[in-house]
Amino acid sequence: MKKEKPNYFELVYQVVKEIPPGRATSYGAIAHYLGIKSGARMVGYAMNAAHTMPDVPAHRVVNRLGLLTGKHHFITPTAMQEALEKEGIKVENDQIQDFDKVFWNPDLELAL
């Protein structure tokens, strides 16, 4: 019997759905938590496909420096920033301010 491969995009979405409002994480942190060999890039591909899914808060996933690198995948160029600011996260020049304070680490937050 052939073993089913996990759907990595679905695994990524499950983690992203756990990020609480007012917090953000990075592509790499999600990849590390899931043990995805292709790493942050695979998480990025999943997030690019998630921007039309209302139940996946894709705006809470940024690069390791807090930069809104995925903003061009949203309906408008400012939608990602607006969604973060609505949750109380300060963004300047496409970068989350005090990223270390809002950073949500799935390794710690979702520890078994």
PDB file of N, CA and C in Angstrom:
ATOM      1  N   MET A   1       0.833  -1.174   0.000  1.00  0.00           N
ATOM      2  CA  MET A   1       0.000   0.000   0.000  1.00  0.00           C
ATOM      3  C   MET A   1       0.889   1.253   0.000  1.00  0.00           C
ATOM      4  N   LYS A   2       0.570   2.210  -0.871  1.00  0.00           N
ATOM      5  CA  LYS A   2       1.358   3.426  -0.993  1.00  0.00           C
ATOM      6  C   LYS A   2       0.979   4.420   0.107  1.00  0.00           C
ATOM      7  N   LYS A   3       1.993   4.965   0.751  1.00  0.00           N
ATOM      8  CA  LYS A   3       1.772   5.926   1.820  1.00  0.00           C
ATOM      9  C   LYS A   3       1.433   7.298   1.209  1.00  0.00           C
ATOM     10  N   GLU A   4       0.369   7.940   1.736  1.00  0.00           N
ATOM     11  CA  GLU A   4      -0.042   9.249   1.234  1.00  0.00           C
ATOM     12  C   GLU A   4       0.951  10.320   1.672  1.00  0.00           C
ATOM     13  N   LYS A   5       1.299  11.206   0.741  1.00  0.00           N
ATOM     14  CA  LYS A   5       2.163  12.337   1.075  1.00  0.00           C
ATOM     15  C   LYS A   5       1.315  13.423   1.739  1.00  0.00           C
ATOM     16  N   PRO A   6       1.880  14.095   2.735  1.00  0.00           N
ATOM     17  CA  PRO A   6       1.114  15.166   3.373  1.00  0.00           C
ATOM     18  C   PRO A   6       0.937  16.340   2.407  1.00  0.00           C
ATOM     19  N   ASN A   7      -0.158  17.032   2.513  1.00  0.00           N
ATOM     20  CA  ASN A   7      -0.398  18.228   1.724  1.00  0.00           C
ATOM     21  C   ASN A   7       0.241  19.393   2.486  1.00  0.00           C
ATOM     22  N   TYR A   8       1.428  19.816   2.043  1.00  0.00           N
ATOM     23  CA  TYR A   8       2.169  20.843   2.769  1.00  0.00           C
ATOM     24  C   TYR A   8       1.417  22.164   2.853  1.00  0.00           C
ATOM     25  N   PHE A   9       0.717  22.533   1.789  1.00  0.00           N
ATOM     26  CA  PHE A   9      -0.038  23.776   1.831  1.00  0.00           C
ATOM     27  C   PHE A   9      -1.071  23.726   2.955  1.00  0.00           C
ATOM     28  N   GLU A  10      -1.777  22.611   3.090  1.00  0.00           N
ATOM     29  CA  GLU A  10      -2.774  22.487   4.152  1.00  0.00           C
ATOM     30  C   GLU A  10      -2.124  22.544   5.534  1.00  0.00           C
ATOM     31  N   LEU A  11      -0.953  21.922   5.687  1.00  0.00           N
ATOM     32  CA  LEU A  11      -0.239  21.981   6.967  1.00  0.00           C
ATOM     33  C   LEU A  11       0.135  23.424   7.298  1.00  0.00           C
ATOM     34  N   VAL A  12       0.610  24.159   6.290  1.00  0.00           N
ATOM     35  CA  VAL A  12       0.960  25.568   6.489  1.00  0.00           C
ATOM     36  C   VAL A  12      -0.278  26.344   6.921  1.00  0.00           C
ATOM     37  N   TYR A  13      -1.388  26.135   6.222  1.00  0.00           N
ATOM     38  CA  TYR A  13      -2.616  26.862   6.546  1.00  0.00           C
ATOM     39  C   TYR A  13      -3.088  26.567   7.963  1.00  0.00           C
ATOM     40  N   GLN A  14      -2.921  25.329   8.411  1.00  0.00           N
ATOM     41  CA  GLN A  14      -3.321  24.970   9.780  1.00  0.00           C
ATOM     42  C   GLN A  14      -2.527  25.788  10.796  1.00  0.00           C
ATOM     43  N   VAL A  15      -1.231  25.958  10.542  1.00  0.00           N
ATOM     44  CA  VAL A  15      -0.392  26.749  11.455  1.00  0.00           C
ATOM     45  C   VAL A  15      -0.797  28.219  11.392  1.00  0.00           C
ATOM     46  N   VAL A  16      -0.959  28.757  10.184  1.00  0.00           N
ATOM     47  CA  VAL A  16      -1.290  30.176  10.018  1.00  0.00           C
ATOM     48  C   VAL A  16      -2.612  30.513  10.703  1.00  0.00           C
ATOM     49  N   LYS A  17      -3.558  29.604  10.660  1.00  0.00           N
ATOM     50  CA  LYS A  17      -4.855  29.843  11.304  1.00  0.00           C
ATOM     51  C   LYS A  17      -4.728  29.972  12.823  1.00  0.00           C
ATOM     52  N   GLU A  18      -3.615  29.518  13.388  1.00  0.00           N
ATOM     53  CA  GLU A  18      -3.400  29.595  14.839  1.00  0.00           C
ATOM     54  C   GLU A  18      -2.785  30.922  15.277  1.00  0.00           C
ATOM     55  N   ILE A  19      -2.275  31.718  14.344  1.00  0.00           N
ATOM     56  CA  ILE A  19      -1.637  32.993  14.700  1.00  0.00           C
ATOM     57  C   ILE A  19      -2.724  33.948  15.191  1.00  0.00           C
ATOM     58  N   PRO A  20      -2.605  34.421  16.423  1.00  0.00           N
ATOM     59  CA  PRO A  20      -3.656  35.299  16.951  1.00  0.00           C
ATOM     60  C   PRO A  20      -3.577  36.708  16.356  1.00  0.00           C
ATOM     61  N   PRO A  21      -4.702  37.419  16.354  1.00  0.00           N
ATOM     62  CA  PRO A  21      -4.692  38.814  15.899  1.00  0.00           C
ATOM     63  C   PRO A  21      -3.669  39.623  16.694  1.00  0.00           C
ATOM     64  N   GLY A  22      -2.999  40.538  16.009  1.00  0.00           N
ATOM     65  CA  GLY A  22      -2.011  41.381  16.673  1.00  0.00           C
ATOM     66  C   GLY A  22      -0.641  40.750  16.772  1.00  0.00           C
ATOM     67  N   ARG A  23      -0.485  39.585  16.191  1.00  0.00           N
ATOM     68  CA  ARG A  23       0.811  38.880  16.178  1.00  0.00           C
ATOM     69  C   ARG A  23       1.157  38.536  14.734  1.00  0.00           C
ATOM     70  N   ALA A  24       2.439  38.265  14.465  1.00  0.00           N
ATOM     71  CA  ALA A  24       2.888  37.896  13.122  1.00  0.00           C
ATOM     72  C   ALA A  24       4.028  36.905  13.248  1.00  0.00           C
ATOM     73  N   THR A  25       4.252  36.150  12.186  1.00  0.00           N
ATOM     74  CA  THR A  25       5.352  35.190  12.172  1.00  0.00           C
ATOM     75  C   THR A  25       6.027  35.243  10.815  1.00  0.00           C
ATOM     76  N   SER A  26       7.049  34.430  10.652  1.00  0.00           N
ATOM     77  CA  SER A  26       7.803  34.431   9.397  1.00  0.00           C
ATOM     78  C   SER A  26       7.611  33.114   8.646  1.00  0.00           C
ATOM     79  N   TYR A  27       7.888  33.194   7.358  1.00  0.00           N
ATOM     80  CA  TYR A  27       7.831  31.997   6.516  1.00  0.00           C
ATOM     81  C   TYR A  27       8.754  30.921   7.089  1.00  0.00           C
ATOM     82  N   GLY A  28       9.956  31.338   7.469  1.00  0.00           N
ATOM     83  CA  GLY A  28      10.947  30.398   7.990  1.00  0.00           C
ATOM     84  C   GLY A  28      10.539  29.743   9.292  1.00  0.00           C
ATOM     85  N   ALA A  29       9.880  30.505  10.177  1.00  0.00           N
ATOM     86  CA  ALA A  29       9.436  29.939  11.460  1.00  0.00           C
ATOM     87  C   ALA A  29       8.400  28.846  11.230  1.00  0.00           C
ATOM     88  N   ILE A  30       7.501  29.072  10.282  1.00  0.00           N
ATOM     89  CA  ILE A  30       6.491  28.055   9.967  1.00  0.00           C
ATOM     90  C   ILE A  30       7.163  26.830   9.367  1.00  0.00           C
ATOM     91  N   ALA A  31       8.091  27.043   8.435  1.00  0.00           N
ATOM     92  CA  ALA A  31       8.807  25.927   7.801  1.00  0.00           C
ATOM     93  C   ALA A  31       9.569  25.114   8.838  1.00  0.00           C
ATOM     94  N   HIS A  32      10.237  25.798   9.766  1.00  0.00           N
ATOM     95  CA  HIS A  32      10.992  25.109  10.808  1.00  0.00           C
ATOM     96  C   HIS A  32      10.064  24.259  11.665  1.00  0.00           C
ATOM     97  N   TYR A  33       8.943  24.847  12.066  1.00  0.00           N
ATOM     98  CA  TYR A  33       7.985  24.124  12.900  1.00  0.00           C
ATOM     99  C   TYR A  33       7.478  22.865  12.202  1.00  0.00           C
ATOM    100  N   LEU A  34       7.192  22.982  10.899  1.00  0.00           N
ATOM    101  CA  LEU A  34       6.649  21.845  10.154  1.00  0.00           C
ATOM    102  C   LEU A  34       7.728  20.880   9.658  1.00  0.00           C
ATOM    103  N   GLY A  35       8.986  21.281   9.752  1.00  0.00           N
ATOM    104  CA  GLY A  35      10.069  20.431   9.254  1.00  0.00           C
ATOM    105  C   GLY A  35      10.050  20.289   7.742  1.00  0.00           C
ATOM    106  N   ILE A  36       9.615  21.346   7.058  1.00  0.00           N
ATOM    107  CA  ILE A  36       9.543  21.314   5.590  1.00  0.00           C
ATOM    108  C   ILE A  36      10.948  21.521   5.031  1.00  0.00           C
ATOM    109  N   LYS A  37      11.426  20.531   4.307  1.00  0.00           N
ATOM    110  CA  LYS A  37      12.794  20.556   3.797  1.00  0.00           C
ATOM    111  C   LYS A  37      13.064  21.733   2.871  1.00  0.00           C
ATOM    112  N   SER A  38      12.104  22.089   2.028  1.00  0.00           N
ATOM    113  CA  SER A  38      12.321  23.202   1.101  1.00  0.00           C
ATOM    114  C   SER A  38      12.125  24.555   1.778  1.00  0.00           C
ATOM    115  N   GLY A  39      11.790  24.533   3.040  1.00  0.00           N
ATOM    116  CA  GLY A  39      11.816  25.697   3.884  1.00  0.00           C
ATOM    117  C   GLY A  39      10.877  26.825   3.574  1.00  0.00           C
ATOM    118  N   ALA A  40      11.381  28.018   3.842  1.00  0.00           N
ATOM    119  CA  ALA A  40      10.578  29.231   3.756  1.00  0.00           C
ATOM    120  C   ALA A  40       9.974  29.423   2.369  1.00  0.00           C
ATOM    121  N   ARG A  41      10.679  29.020   1.348  1.00  0.00           N
ATOM    122  CA  ARG A  41      10.160  29.195  -0.012  1.00  0.00           C
ATOM    123  C   ARG A  41       8.847  28.433  -0.210  1.00  0.00           C
ATOM    124  N   MET A  42       8.775  27.211   0.291  1.00  0.00           N
ATOM    125  CA  MET A  42       7.543  26.419   0.163  1.00  0.00           C
ATOM    126  C   MET A  42       6.398  27.090   0.935  1.00  0.00           C
ATOM    127  N   VAL A  43       6.696  27.630   2.108  1.00  0.00           N
ATOM    128  CA  VAL A  43       5.679  28.349   2.873  1.00  0.00           C
ATOM    129  C   VAL A  43       5.230  29.575   2.082  1.00  0.00           C
ATOM    130  N   GLY A  44       6.165  30.248   1.439  1.00  0.00           N
ATOM    131  CA  GLY A  44       5.824  31.396   0.602  1.00  0.00           C
ATOM    132  C   GLY A  44       4.882  31.016  -0.527  1.00  0.00           C
ATOM    133  N   TYR A  45       5.143  29.884  -1.164  1.00  0.00           N
ATOM    134  CA  TYR A  45       4.250  29.419  -2.237  1.00  0.00           C
ATOM    135  C   TYR A  45       2.846  29.161  -1.689  1.00  0.00           C
ATOM    136  N   ALA A  46       2.787  28.558  -0.519  1.00  0.00           N
ATOM    137  CA  ALA A  46       1.484  28.285   0.099  1.00  0.00           C
ATOM    138  C   ALA A  46       0.766  29.590   0.410  1.00  0.00           C
ATOM    139  N   MET A  47       1.502  30.573   0.931  1.00  0.00           N
ATOM    140  CA  MET A  47       0.879  31.844   1.286  1.00  0.00           C
ATOM    141  C   MET A  47       0.413  32.585   0.027  1.00  0.00           C
ATOM    142  N   ASN A  48       1.156  32.496  -1.052  1.00  0.00           N
ATOM    143  CA  ASN A  48       0.741  33.140  -2.303  1.00  0.00           C
ATOM    144  C   ASN A  48      -0.600  32.604  -2.768  1.00  0.00           C
ATOM    145  N   ALA A  49      -0.853  31.343  -2.493  1.00  0.00           N
ATOM    146  CA  ALA A  49      -2.115  30.720  -2.900  1.00  0.00           C
ATOM    147  C   ALA A  49      -3.231  30.971  -1.885  1.00  0.00           C
ATOM    148  N   ALA A  50      -2.906  31.531  -0.726  1.00  0.00           N
ATOM    149  CA  ALA A  50      -3.884  31.662   0.366  1.00  0.00           C
ATOM    150  C   ALA A  50      -4.574  33.010   0.442  1.00  0.00           C
ATOM    151  N   HIS A  51      -4.127  33.966  -0.329  1.00  0.00           N
ATOM    152  CA  HIS A  51      -4.633  35.327  -0.162  1.00  0.00           C
ATOM    153  C   HIS A  51      -6.106  35.492  -0.511  1.00  0.00           C
ATOM    154  N   THR A  52      -6.680  34.504  -1.160  1.00  0.00           N
ATOM    155  CA  THR A  52      -8.110  34.567  -1.464  1.00  0.00           C
ATOM    156  C   THR A  52      -8.934  33.705  -0.511  1.00  0.00           C
ATOM    157  N   MET A  53      -8.269  33.111   0.475  1.00  0.00           N
ATOM    158  CA  MET A  53      -8.954  32.267   1.456  1.00  0.00           C
ATOM    159  C   MET A  53      -9.250  33.095   2.704  1.00  0.00           C
ATOM    160  N   PRO A  54     -10.508  33.440   2.930  1.00  0.00           N
ATOM    161  CA  PRO A  54     -10.835  34.322   4.056  1.00  0.00           C
ATOM    162  C   PRO A  54     -10.520  33.742   5.432  1.00  0.00           C
ATOM    163  N   ASP A  55     -10.402  32.419   5.547  1.00  0.00           N
ATOM    164  CA  ASP A  55     -10.134  31.816   6.858  1.00  0.00           C
ATOM    165  C   ASP A  55      -8.645  31.646   7.147  1.00  0.00           C
ATOM    166  N   VAL A  56      -7.774  32.068   6.219  1.00  0.00           N
ATOM    167  CA  VAL A  56      -6.318  31.980   6.425  1.00  0.00           C
ATOM    168  C   VAL A  56      -5.782  33.409   6.532  1.00  0.00           C
ATOM    169  N   PRO A  57      -5.329  33.829   7.731  1.00  0.00           N
ATOM    170  CA  PRO A  57      -4.852  35.197   7.912  1.00  0.00           C
ATOM    171  C   PRO A  57      -3.440  35.397   7.340  1.00  0.00           C
ATOM    172  N   ALA A  58      -3.360  35.363   6.023  1.00  0.00           N
ATOM    173  CA  ALA A  58      -2.076  35.434   5.324  1.00  0.00           C
ATOM    174  C   ALA A  58      -1.308  36.718   5.626  1.00  0.00           C
ATOM    175  N   HIS A  59      -2.022  37.768   6.000  1.00  0.00           N
ATOM    176  CA  HIS A  59      -1.352  39.045   6.286  1.00  0.00           C
ATOM    177  C   HIS A  59      -0.432  38.956   7.505  1.00  0.00           C
ATOM    178  N   ARG A  60      -0.573  37.920   8.313  1.00  0.00           N
ATOM    179  CA  ARG A  60       0.248  37.767   9.521  1.00  0.00           C
ATOM    180  C   ARG A  60       1.556  37.023   9.266  1.00  0.00           C
ATOM    181  N   VAL A  61       1.847  36.714   7.999  1.00  0.00           N
ATOM    182  CA  VAL A  61       3.084  35.999   7.669  1.00  0.00           C
ATOM    183  C   VAL A  61       3.968  36.911   6.821  1.00  0.00           C
ATOM    184  N   VAL A  62       5.175  37.158   7.320  1.00  0.00           N
ATOM    185  CA  VAL A  62       6.114  38.088   6.688  1.00  0.00           C
ATOM    186  C   VAL A  62       7.491  37.433   6.611  1.00  0.00           C
ATOM    187  N   ASN A  63       8.471  38.163   6.080  1.00  0.00           N
ATOM    188  CA  ASN A  63       9.804  37.561   6.041  1.00  0.00           C
ATOM    189  C   ASN A  63      10.483  37.681   7.405  1.00  0.00           C
ATOM    190  N   ARG A  64      11.669  37.138   7.533  1.00  0.00           N
ATOM    191  CA  ARG A  64      12.338  37.044   8.838  1.00  0.00           C
ATOM    192  C   ARG A  64      12.684  38.395   9.459  1.00  0.00           C
ATOM    193  N   LEU A  65      12.657  39.458   8.641  1.00  0.00           N
ATOM    194  CA  LEU A  65      12.943  40.802   9.138  1.00  0.00           C
ATOM    195  C   LEU A  65      11.671  41.605   9.410  1.00  0.00           C
ATOM    196  N   GLY A  66      10.515  40.968   9.181  1.00  0.00           N
ATOM    197  CA  GLY A  66       9.253  41.666   9.378  1.00  0.00           C
ATOM    198  C   GLY A  66       8.802  42.444   8.158  1.00  0.00           C
ATOM    199  N   LEU A  67       9.443  42.229   7.025  1.00  0.00           N
ATOM    200  CA  LEU A  67       9.067  42.922   5.788  1.00  0.00           C
ATOM    201  C   LEU A  67       7.835  42.283   5.162  1.00  0.00           C
ATOM    202  N   LEU A  68       6.951  43.122   4.630  1.00  0.00           N
ATOM    203  CA  LEU A  68       5.718  42.652   3.993  1.00  0.00           C
ATOM    204  C   LEU A  68       6.004  42.221   2.557  1.00  0.00           C
ATOM    205  N   THR A  69       6.803  41.180   2.404  1.00  0.00           N
ATOM    206  CA  THR A  69       7.235  40.745   1.077  1.00  0.00           C
ATOM    207  C   THR A  69       6.106  40.144   0.251  1.00  0.00           C
ATOM    208  N   GLY A  70       5.023  39.719   0.886  1.00  0.00           N
ATOM    209  CA  GLY A  70       3.912  39.127   0.148  1.00  0.00           C
ATOM    210  C   GLY A  70       2.810  40.108  -0.203  1.00  0.00           C
ATOM    211  N   LYS A  71       3.032  41.392   0.031  1.00  0.00           N
ATOM    212  CA  LYS A  71       1.956  42.379  -0.115  1.00  0.00           C
ATOM    213  C   LYS A  71       1.393  42.462  -1.530  1.00  0.00           C
ATOM    214  N   HIS A  72       2.198  42.165  -2.533  1.00  0.00           N
ATOM    215  CA  HIS A  72       1.721  42.260  -3.921  1.00  0.00           C
ATOM    216  C   HIS A  72       0.742  41.141  -4.293  1.00  0.00           C
ATOM    217  N   HIS A  73       0.557  40.166  -3.415  1.00  0.00           N
ATOM    218  CA  HIS A  73      -0.405  39.085  -3.673  1.00  0.00           C
ATOM    219  C   HIS A  73      -1.800  39.401  -3.132  1.00  0.00           C
ATOM    220  N   PHE A  74      -1.927  40.508  -2.416  1.00  0.00           N
ATOM    221  CA  PHE A  74      -3.222  40.908  -1.869  1.00  0.00           C
ATOM    222  C   PHE A  74      -4.000  41.718  -2.905  1.00  0.00           C
ATOM    223  N   ILE A  75      -5.270  41.934  -2.608  1.00  0.00           N
ATOM    224  CA  ILE A  75      -6.171  42.590  -3.561  1.00  0.00           C
ATOM    225  C   ILE A  75      -5.702  44.000  -3.937  1.00  0.00           C
ATOM    226  N   THR A  76      -5.093  44.711  -2.967  1.00  0.00           N
ATOM    227  CA  THR A  76      -4.479  46.011  -3.251  1.00  0.00           C
ATOM    228  C   THR A  76      -3.084  46.008  -2.628  1.00  0.00           C
ATOM    229  N   PRO A  77      -2.197  46.890  -3.094  1.00  0.00           N
ATOM    230  CA  PRO A  77      -0.834  46.929  -2.541  1.00  0.00           C
ATOM    231  C   PRO A  77      -0.767  47.308  -1.060  1.00  0.00           C
ATOM    232  N   THR A  78      -1.829  47.918  -0.535  1.00  0.00           N
ATOM    233  CA  THR A  78      -1.811  48.338   0.874  1.00  0.00           C
ATOM    234  C   THR A  78      -2.662  47.453   1.777  1.00  0.00           C
ATOM    235  N   ALA A  79      -3.340  46.458   1.219  1.00  0.00           N
ATOM    236  CA  ALA A  79      -4.273  45.631   1.995  1.00  0.00           C
ATOM    237  C   ALA A  79      -3.585  44.880   3.136  1.00  0.00           C
ATOM    238  N   MET A  80      -2.383  44.375   2.906  1.00  0.00           N
ATOM    239  CA  MET A  80      -1.672  43.620   3.946  1.00  0.00           C
ATOM    240  C   MET A  80      -1.348  44.541   5.123  1.00  0.00           C
ATOM    241  N   GLN A  81      -0.804  45.709   4.827  1.00  0.00           N
ATOM    242  CA  GLN A  81      -0.474  46.670   5.878  1.00  0.00           C
ATOM    243  C   GLN A  81      -1.727  47.109   6.618  1.00  0.00           C
ATOM    244  N   GLU A  82      -2.786  47.396   5.894  1.00  0.00           N
ATOM    245  CA  GLU A  82      -4.034  47.836   6.522  1.00  0.00           C
ATOM    246  C   GLU A  82      -4.590  46.772   7.472  1.00  0.00           C
ATOM    247  N   ALA A  83      -4.509  45.501   7.062  1.00  0.00           N
ATOM    248  CA  ALA A  83      -5.003  44.413   7.912  1.00  0.00           C
ATOM    249  C   ALA A  83      -4.174  44.296   9.188  1.00  0.00           C
ATOM    250  N   LEU A  84      -2.862  44.438   9.074  1.00  0.00           N
ATOM    251  CA  LEU A  84      -1.995  44.377  10.255  1.00  0.00           C
ATOM    252  C   LEU A  84      -2.263  45.559  11.185  1.00  0.00           C
ATOM    253  N   GLU A  85      -2.391  46.752  10.606  1.00  0.00           N
ATOM    254  CA  GLU A  85      -2.621  47.948  11.423  1.00  0.00           C
ATOM    255  C   GLU A  85      -3.974  47.886  12.128  1.00  0.00           C
ATOM    256  N   LYS A  86      -4.952  47.273  11.498  1.00  0.00           N
ATOM    257  CA  LYS A  86      -6.275  47.117  12.111  1.00  0.00           C
ATOM    258  C   LYS A  86      -6.172  46.262  13.374  1.00  0.00           C
ATOM    259  N   GLU A  87      -5.139  45.397  13.420  1.00  0.00           N
ATOM    260  CA  GLU A  87      -4.917  44.531  14.581  1.00  0.00           C
ATOM    261  C   GLU A  87      -3.950  45.149  15.589  1.00  0.00           C
ATOM    262  N   GLY A  88      -3.532  46.391  15.341  1.00  0.00           N
ATOM    263  CA  GLY A  88      -2.658  47.078  16.276  1.00  0.00           C
ATOM    264  C   GLY A  88      -1.173  46.938  15.998  1.00  0.00           C
ATOM    265  N   ILE A  89      -0.806  46.374  14.862  1.00  0.00           N
ATOM    266  CA  ILE A  89       0.603  46.219  14.510  1.00  0.00           C
ATOM    267  C   ILE A  89       1.045  47.440  13.701  1.00  0.00           C
ATOM    268  N   LYS A  90       2.120  48.075  14.146  1.00  0.00           N
ATOM    269  CA  LYS A  90       2.625  49.272  13.471  1.00  0.00           C
ATOM    270  C   LYS A  90       3.538  48.855  12.311  1.00  0.00           C
ATOM    271  N   VAL A  91       3.270  49.448  11.136  1.00  0.00           N
ATOM    272  CA  VAL A  91       4.050  49.152   9.938  1.00  0.00           C
ATOM    273  C   VAL A  91       4.563  50.467   9.351  1.00  0.00           C
ATOM    274  N   GLU A  92       5.849  50.519   9.076  1.00  0.00           N
ATOM    275  CA  GLU A  92       6.448  51.680   8.411  1.00  0.00           C
ATOM    276  C   GLU A  92       7.342  51.183   7.290  1.00  0.00           C
ATOM    277  N   ASN A  93       7.229  51.812   6.124  1.00  0.00           N
ATOM    278  CA  ASN A  93       8.039  51.438   4.967  1.00  0.00           C
ATOM    279  C   ASN A  93       7.998  49.931   4.697  1.00  0.00           C
ATOM    280  N   ASP A  94       6.792  49.377   4.741  1.00  0.00           N
ATOM    281  CA  ASP A  94       6.567  47.948   4.478  1.00  0.00           C
ATOM    282  C   ASP A  94       7.261  47.022   5.457  1.00  0.00           C
ATOM    283  N   GLN A  95       7.533  47.484   6.664  1.00  0.00           N
ATOM    284  CA  GLN A  95       8.176  46.647   7.678  1.00  0.00           C
ATOM    285  C   GLN A  95       7.460  46.805   9.014  1.00  0.00           C
ATOM    286  N   ILE A  96       7.187  45.649   9.654  1.00  0.00           N
ATOM    287  CA  ILE A  96       6.571  45.654  10.990  1.00  0.00           C
ATOM    288  C   ILE A  96       7.569  46.252  11.972  1.00  0.00           C
ATOM    289  N   GLN A  97       7.114  47.237  12.730  1.00  0.00           N
ATOM    290  CA  GLN A  97       7.949  47.854  13.763  1.00  0.00           C
ATOM    291  C   GLN A  97       7.921  46.985  15.017  1.00  0.00           C
ATOM    292  N   ASP A  98       9.058  46.919  15.699  1.00  0.00           N
ATOM    293  CA  ASP A  98       9.187  46.090  16.904  1.00  0.00           C
ATOM    294  C   ASP A  98       8.748  44.654  16.614  1.00  0.00           C
ATOM    295  N   PHE A  99       9.231  44.121  15.502  1.00  0.00           N
ATOM    296  CA  PHE A  99       8.835  42.778  15.068  1.00  0.00           C
ATOM    297  C   PHE A  99       9.075  41.741  16.154  1.00  0.00           C
ATOM    298  N   ASP A 100      10.160  41.894  16.916  1.00  0.00           N
ATOM    299  CA  ASP A 100      10.456  40.928  17.982  1.00  0.00           C
ATOM    300  C   ASP A 100       9.356  40.897  19.045  1.00  0.00           C
ATOM    301  N   LYS A 101       8.638  42.004  19.221  1.00  0.00           N
ATOM    302  CA  LYS A 101       7.570  42.054  20.236  1.00  0.00           C
ATOM    303  C   LYS A 101       6.274  41.418  19.750  1.00  0.00           C
ATOM    304  N   VAL A 102       6.017  41.440  18.444  1.00  0.00           N
ATOM    305  CA  VAL A 102       4.780  40.846  17.917  1.00  0.00           C
ATOM    306  C   VAL A 102       5.026  39.459  17.327  1.00  0.00           C
ATOM    307  N   PHE A 103       6.302  39.048  17.270  1.00  0.00           N
ATOM    308  CA  PHE A 103       6.649  37.765  16.651  1.00  0.00           C
ATOM    309  C   PHE A 103       5.986  36.608  17.395  1.00  0.00           C
ATOM    310  N   TRP A 104       5.340  35.752  16.629  1.00  0.00           N
ATOM    311  CA  TRP A 104       4.669  34.560  17.143  1.00  0.00           C
ATOM    312  C   TRP A 104       5.461  33.355  16.665  1.00  0.00           C
ATOM    313  N   ASN A 105       6.051  32.625  17.596  1.00  0.00           N
ATOM    314  CA  ASN A 105       6.917  31.500  17.251  1.00  0.00           C
ATOM    315  C   ASN A 105       6.135  30.184  17.398  1.00  0.00           C
ATOM    316  N   PRO A 106       5.815  29.535  16.272  1.00  0.00           N
ATOM    317  CA  PRO A 106       5.037  28.291  16.373  1.00  0.00           C
ATOM    318  C   PRO A 106       5.752  27.205  17.167  1.00  0.00           C
ATOM    319  N   ASP A 107       7.093  27.215  17.188  1.00  0.00           N
ATOM    320  CA  ASP A 107       7.818  26.211  17.973  1.00  0.00           C
ATOM    321  C   ASP A 107       7.464  26.321  19.458  1.00  0.00           C
ATOM    322  N   LEU A 108       7.243  27.548  19.932  1.00  0.00           N
ATOM    323  CA  LEU A 108       6.888  27.761  21.337  1.00  0.00           C
ATOM    324  C   LEU A 108       5.384  27.734  21.565  1.00  0.00           C
ATOM    325  N   GLU A 109       4.652  28.417  20.695  1.00  0.00           N
ATOM    326  CA  GLU A 109       3.211  28.576  20.880  1.00  0.00           C
ATOM    327  C   GLU A 109       2.424  27.280  20.637  1.00  0.00           C
ATOM    328  N   LEU A 110       2.943  26.442  19.755  1.00  0.00           N
ATOM    329  CA  LEU A 110       2.254  25.194  19.433  1.00  0.00           C
ATOM    330  C   LEU A 110       3.003  23.968  19.964  1.00  0.00           C
ATOM    331  N   ALA A 111       3.855  24.188  20.943  1.00  0.00           N
ATOM    332  CA  ALA A 111       4.630  23.072  21.515  1.00  0.00           C
ATOM    333  C   ALA A 111       3.686  22.019  22.093  1.00  0.00           C
ATOM    334  N   LEU A 112       4.044  20.782  21.866  1.00  0.00           N
ATOM    335  CA  LEU A 112       3.200  19.672  22.352  1.00  0.00           C
ATOM    336  C   LEU A 112       3.429  19.440  23.838  1.00  0.00           C
TER     337      LEU A 112
END
